[in-house]
Amino acid sequence: DERLAAAQRLAGAERGRHLSPQAWHEFLGSARPEDVVLFDVRNRYETRIGRFARRGQAAQDELELVDPETRLFSETPGFLERPDALERLQGRKVLMYCTGGVRCERA
């Protein structure tokens, strides 16, 4: 299965560090838009309910959001292997979030 193969390739990838809610808030507030991207690991239904953002004075998002628009978490590794997806993340700090549980730990 292609999704399983993609997940196995990413399983050995370098992991980021967990941030406390306070550290997340501080980082989000001080991040430079060209240096940071928000990566929403939740499924399509959850992303439609709401998301993290940092709004500027014009009430527009200041930080880029990457939403893979997945139905299932198992689709995420395939999304991350797409050249257009990697280009959006490359060389930037990625603030990744989800609703909690196993999905967050595996992401």
C-alpha atoms as a PDB file:
ATOM      1  CA  ASP A   1       0.000   0.000   0.000  1.00  0.00           C
ATOM      2  CA  GLU A   2       1.388   3.408  -1.003  1.00  0.00           C
ATOM      3  CA  ARG A   3       0.231   5.152   2.187  1.00  0.00           C
ATOM      4  CA  LEU A   4       1.926   2.565   4.391  1.00  0.00           C
ATOM      5  CA  ALA A   5       5.191   2.886   2.460  1.00  0.00           C
ATOM      6  CA  ALA A   6       5.106   6.687   2.795  1.00  0.00           C
ATOM      7  CA  ALA A   7       4.417   6.419   6.538  1.00  0.00           C
ATOM      8  CA  GLN A   8       7.339   4.026   6.992  1.00  0.00           C
ATOM      9  CA  ARG A   9       9.698   6.414   5.193  1.00  0.00           C
ATOM     10  CA  LEU A  10       8.638   9.286   7.438  1.00  0.00           C
ATOM     11  CA  ALA A  11       8.762   7.221  10.638  1.00  0.00           C
ATOM     12  CA  GLY A  12      12.521   7.648  10.858  1.00  0.00           C
ATOM     13  CA  ALA A  13      12.436  11.388  10.195  1.00  0.00           C
ATOM     14  CA  GLU A  14      13.754  13.859  12.725  1.00  0.00           C
ATOM     15  CA  ARG A  15      11.081  14.880  15.202  1.00  0.00           C
ATOM     16  CA  GLY A  16      10.328  18.342  16.472  1.00  0.00           C
ATOM     17  CA  ARG A  17       9.799  19.243  20.084  1.00  0.00           C
ATOM     18  CA  HIS A  18       6.552  19.589  21.976  1.00  0.00           C
ATOM     19  CA  LEU A  19       5.643  23.107  23.103  1.00  0.00           C
ATOM     20  CA  SER A  20       3.625  23.991  26.157  1.00  0.00           C
ATOM     21  CA  PRO A  21       0.519  26.096  25.473  1.00  0.00           C
ATOM     22  CA  GLN A  22       2.382  29.158  26.772  1.00  0.00           C
ATOM     23  CA  ALA A  23       5.436  28.497  24.576  1.00  0.00           C
ATOM     24  CA  TRP A  24       3.150  27.909  21.548  1.00  0.00           C
ATOM     25  CA  HIS A  25       1.379  31.222  22.171  1.00  0.00           C
ATOM     26  CA  GLU A  26       4.661  33.115  22.615  1.00  0.00           C
ATOM     27  CA  PHE A  27       6.194  31.575  19.493  1.00  0.00           C
ATOM     28  CA  LEU A  28       3.069  32.242  17.434  1.00  0.00           C
ATOM     29  CA  GLY A  29       3.031  35.875  18.575  1.00  0.00           C
ATOM     30  CA  SER A  30       6.664  36.588  17.792  1.00  0.00           C
ATOM     31  CA  ALA A  31       7.155  34.515  14.625  1.00  0.00           C
ATOM     32  CA  ARG A  32       8.203  36.210  11.401  1.00  0.00           C
ATOM     33  CA  PRO A  33       5.815  35.182   8.592  1.00  0.00           C
ATOM     34  CA  GLU A  34       8.635  34.281   6.212  1.00  0.00           C
ATOM     35  CA  ASP A  35      10.177  31.943   8.805  1.00  0.00           C
ATOM     36  CA  VAL A  36       7.128  30.012  10.030  1.00  0.00           C
ATOM     37  CA  VAL A  37       4.281  27.958   8.612  1.00  0.00           C
ATOM     38  CA  LEU A  38       1.298  26.472  10.470  1.00  0.00           C
ATOM     39  CA  PHE A  39       0.634  22.832   9.583  1.00  0.00           C
ATOM     40  CA  ASP A  40      -2.835  21.570  10.497  1.00  0.00           C
ATOM     41  CA  VAL A  41      -2.681  17.786  10.885  1.00  0.00           C
ATOM     42  CA  ARG A  42      -6.390  17.389  11.642  1.00  0.00           C
ATOM     43  CA  ASN A  43      -8.854  15.804   9.224  1.00  0.00           C
ATOM     44  CA  ARG A  44     -10.973  17.803   6.794  1.00  0.00           C
ATOM     45  CA  TYR A  45     -13.999  17.904   9.095  1.00  0.00           C
ATOM     46  CA  GLU A  46     -11.999  19.273  12.028  1.00  0.00           C
ATOM     47  CA  THR A  47     -10.225  21.923   9.959  1.00  0.00           C
ATOM     48  CA  ARG A  48     -13.568  23.350   8.850  1.00  0.00           C
ATOM     49  CA  ILE A  49     -14.557  24.038  12.477  1.00  0.00           C
ATOM     50  CA  GLY A  50     -11.690  26.431  13.185  1.00  0.00           C
ATOM     51  CA  ARG A  51      -7.943  26.872  13.232  1.00  0.00           C
ATOM     52  CA  PHE A  52      -5.024  28.730  14.750  1.00  0.00           C
ATOM     53  CA  ALA A  53      -4.131  32.039  13.199  1.00  0.00           C
ATOM     54  CA  ARG A  54      -2.296  35.241  13.891  1.00  0.00           C
ATOM     55  CA  ARG A  55      -4.236  38.167  12.528  1.00  0.00           C
ATOM     56  CA  GLY A  56      -2.647  41.427  11.506  1.00  0.00           C
ATOM     57  CA  GLN A  57      -4.170  44.893  11.735  1.00  0.00           C
ATOM     58  CA  ALA A  58      -6.061  44.284   8.497  1.00  0.00           C
ATOM     59  CA  ALA A  59      -7.614  41.175  10.123  1.00  0.00           C
ATOM     60  CA  GLN A  60      -5.829  38.968   7.596  1.00  0.00           C
ATOM     61  CA  ASP A  61      -3.748  35.927   8.452  1.00  0.00           C
ATOM     62  CA  GLU A  62      -0.089  36.776   8.789  1.00  0.00           C
ATOM     63  CA  LEU A  63       1.201  33.212   8.884  1.00  0.00           C
ATOM     64  CA  GLU A  64       0.819  30.713   6.066  1.00  0.00           C
ATOM     65  CA  LEU A  65      -1.402  27.722   6.808  1.00  0.00           C
ATOM     66  CA  VAL A  66      -0.800  24.317   5.269  1.00  0.00           C
ATOM     67  CA  ASP A  67      -3.935  22.188   5.373  1.00  0.00           C
ATOM     68  CA  PRO A  68      -3.459  18.829   3.632  1.00  0.00           C
ATOM     69  CA  GLU A  69      -7.259  18.407   3.438  1.00  0.00           C
ATOM     70  CA  THR A  70      -7.097  14.762   4.456  1.00  0.00           C
ATOM     71  CA  ARG A  71     -10.009  12.535   5.356  1.00  0.00           C
ATOM     72  CA  LEU A  72      -7.756  10.083   7.200  1.00  0.00           C
ATOM     73  CA  PHE A  73      -4.460  10.622   9.003  1.00  0.00           C
ATOM     74  CA  SER A  74      -2.932   7.863   6.893  1.00  0.00           C
ATOM     75  CA  GLU A  75      -3.135  10.263   3.913  1.00  0.00           C
ATOM     76  CA  THR A  76      -0.754  12.748   5.583  1.00  0.00           C
ATOM     77  CA  PRO A  77       2.555  11.024   4.695  1.00  0.00           C
ATOM     78  CA  GLY A  78       1.582  10.987   1.007  1.00  0.00           C
ATOM     79  CA  PHE A  79       0.786  14.691   1.194  1.00  0.00           C
ATOM     80  CA  LEU A  80       4.200  15.385   2.726  1.00  0.00           C
ATOM     81  CA  GLU A  81       5.965  13.626  -0.135  1.00  0.00           C
ATOM     82  CA  ARG A  82       4.444  15.919  -2.750  1.00  0.00           C
ATOM     83  CA  PRO A  83       7.009  18.424  -4.081  1.00  0.00           C
ATOM     84  CA  ASP A  84       4.588  21.358  -3.762  1.00  0.00           C
ATOM     85  CA  ALA A  85       3.915  20.513  -0.109  1.00  0.00           C
ATOM     86  CA  LEU A  86       7.597  20.135   0.718  1.00  0.00           C
ATOM     87  CA  GLU A  87       8.379  23.439  -0.950  1.00  0.00           C
ATOM     88  CA  ARG A  88       5.968  25.248   1.381  1.00  0.00           C
ATOM     89  CA  LEU A  89       7.642  23.733   4.463  1.00  0.00           C
ATOM     90  CA  GLN A  90      11.305  23.721   3.405  1.00  0.00           C
ATOM     91  CA  GLY A  91      13.623  25.979   5.370  1.00  0.00           C
ATOM     92  CA  ARG A  92      10.892  27.164   7.733  1.00  0.00           C
ATOM     93  CA  LYS A  93       9.894  26.331  11.273  1.00  0.00           C
ATOM     94  CA  VAL A  94       6.708  24.296  11.219  1.00  0.00           C
ATOM     95  CA  LEU A  95       4.154  24.775  13.975  1.00  0.00           C
ATOM     96  CA  MET A  96       2.069  21.633  13.735  1.00  0.00           C
ATOM     97  CA  TYR A  97      -1.175  21.041  15.571  1.00  0.00           C
ATOM     98  CA  CYS A  98      -4.067  18.599  15.836  1.00  0.00           C
ATOM     99  CA  THR A  99      -6.837  17.661  18.265  1.00  0.00           C
ATOM    100  CA  GLY A 100      -4.710  15.386  20.424  1.00  0.00           C
ATOM    101  CA  GLY A 101      -4.118  11.719  20.983  1.00  0.00           C
ATOM    102  CA  VAL A 102      -2.301   9.188  18.874  1.00  0.00           C
ATOM    103  CA  ARG A 103      -2.554  11.233  15.676  1.00  0.00           C
ATOM    104  CA  CYS A 104      -0.549  14.060  17.236  1.00  0.00           C
ATOM    105  CA  GLU A 105       2.098  11.690  18.532  1.00  0.00           C
ATOM    106  CA  ARG A 106       2.458   9.971  15.159  1.00  0.00           C
ATOM    107  CA  ALA A 107       2.588  13.291  13.288  1.00  0.00           C
END
